[in-house]
Amino acid sequence: MSFWSIFGKTAISDTGETIQKIDDTFSVSTTGTTYTTMGDTTMGSDGSVYNKMGSFSSDGSIRMGAGSTGIGAIFNDDDA
């Protein structure tokens, strides 16, 4: 699983992938995947679906302050 460093509306993984959070509902990855968030559910254009559960996500990722494992369900907090 990758580790992400989160800087405001941008997250950079240890593999070099970057996700830019455009607004509260839309994010874009450098891999070309777009993510749409509706409530506690985030859907990727690649068919992925993530459900937020507090600091955790259904893909097993965990948001920990300025870092997360996995994609942290697209940063997984209201401050990003």
Protein backbone atom coordinates (compact mmCIF):
# COMPACT_ATOMS: atom_id res chain seq x y z
CA MET A 1 0.00 0.00 0.00
CA SER A 2 1.26 3.46 -0.84
CA PHE A 3 1.74 6.31 1.60
CA TRP A 4 0.45 9.79 0.78
CA SER A 5 1.70 13.14 2.09
CA ILE A 6 -1.14 15.66 2.10
CA PHE A 7 -0.51 19.37 1.52
CA GLY A 8 -3.84 21.21 1.61
CA LYS A 9 -5.67 20.27 -1.58
CA THR A 10 -2.80 18.20 -3.00
CA ALA A 11 -1.58 14.72 -2.04
CA ILE A 12 1.65 13.11 -3.28
CA SER A 13 2.29 9.38 -2.95
CA ASP A 14 5.61 7.68 -2.33
CA THR A 15 5.23 6.27 -5.87
CA GLY A 16 5.07 9.76 -7.43
CA GLU A 17 1.33 9.88 -8.14
CA THR A 18 -0.35 13.19 -7.29
CA ILE A 19 -4.02 13.86 -6.58
CA GLN A 20 -5.32 17.42 -6.77
CA LYS A 21 -8.57 18.12 -4.94
CA ILE A 22 -10.43 20.61 -7.15
CA ASP A 23 -13.34 21.14 -4.75
CA ASP A 24 -15.30 19.18 -2.13
CA THR A 25 -16.73 16.83 -4.74
CA PHE A 26 -14.10 16.48 -7.49
CA SER A 27 -10.44 15.35 -7.53
CA VAL A 28 -8.02 14.50 -10.34
CA SER A 29 -5.02 12.15 -10.30
CA THR A 30 -1.91 12.36 -12.48
CA THR A 31 -2.80 8.83 -13.63
CA GLY A 32 -5.89 10.28 -15.33
CA THR A 33 -8.38 8.96 -12.79
CA THR A 34 -11.02 11.42 -11.63
CA TYR A 35 -12.81 11.03 -8.30
CA THR A 36 -16.30 12.26 -7.45
CA THR A 37 -17.39 12.46 -3.81
CA MET A 38 -21.04 12.42 -2.75
CA GLY A 39 -21.54 12.37 1.00
CA ASP A 40 -19.37 9.61 2.49
CA THR A 41 -18.87 7.81 -0.86
CA THR A 42 -16.14 8.52 -3.41
CA MET A 43 -16.30 6.98 -6.89
CA GLY A 44 -13.31 6.81 -9.24
CA SER A 45 -13.56 6.92 -13.02
CA ASP A 46 -11.59 3.65 -12.94
CA GLY A 47 -14.53 1.93 -11.22
CA SER A 48 -13.20 2.19 -7.68
CA VAL A 49 -15.59 3.02 -4.84
CA TYR A 50 -14.57 4.17 -1.35
CA ASN A 51 -16.76 4.68 1.69
CA LYS A 52 -15.62 7.02 4.46
CA MET A 53 -15.90 5.78 8.04
CA GLY A 54 -14.41 8.48 10.26
CA SER A 55 -10.64 8.51 9.68
CA PHE A 56 -10.90 5.19 7.84
CA SER A 57 -12.01 4.19 4.36
CA SER A 58 -13.53 0.99 3.03
CA ASP A 59 -10.30 0.28 1.07
CA GLY A 60 -8.48 -0.02 4.40
CA SER A 61 -6.77 3.35 4.11
CA ILE A 62 -6.32 5.55 7.15
CA ARG A 63 -6.02 9.36 7.28
CA MET A 64 -3.52 10.47 9.94
CA GLY A 65 -3.12 14.24 10.00
CA ALA A 66 -1.04 15.22 6.96
CA GLY A 67 -0.58 11.63 5.81
CA SER A 68 -2.58 8.63 4.76
CA THR A 69 -2.16 5.07 3.63
CA GLY A 70 -3.85 4.25 0.35
CA ILE A 71 -5.56 7.35 -1.02
CA GLY A 72 -7.28 8.05 2.30
CA ALA A 73 -10.60 8.12 0.42
CA ILE A 74 -9.44 11.32 -1.25
CA PHE A 75 -7.92 12.86 1.88
CA ASN A 76 -10.88 11.77 4.03
CA ASP A 77 -11.49 14.94 6.00
CA ASP A 78 -13.30 18.27 5.75
CA ASP A 79 -10.15 20.42 5.96
CA ALA A 80 -8.50 19.21 2.75
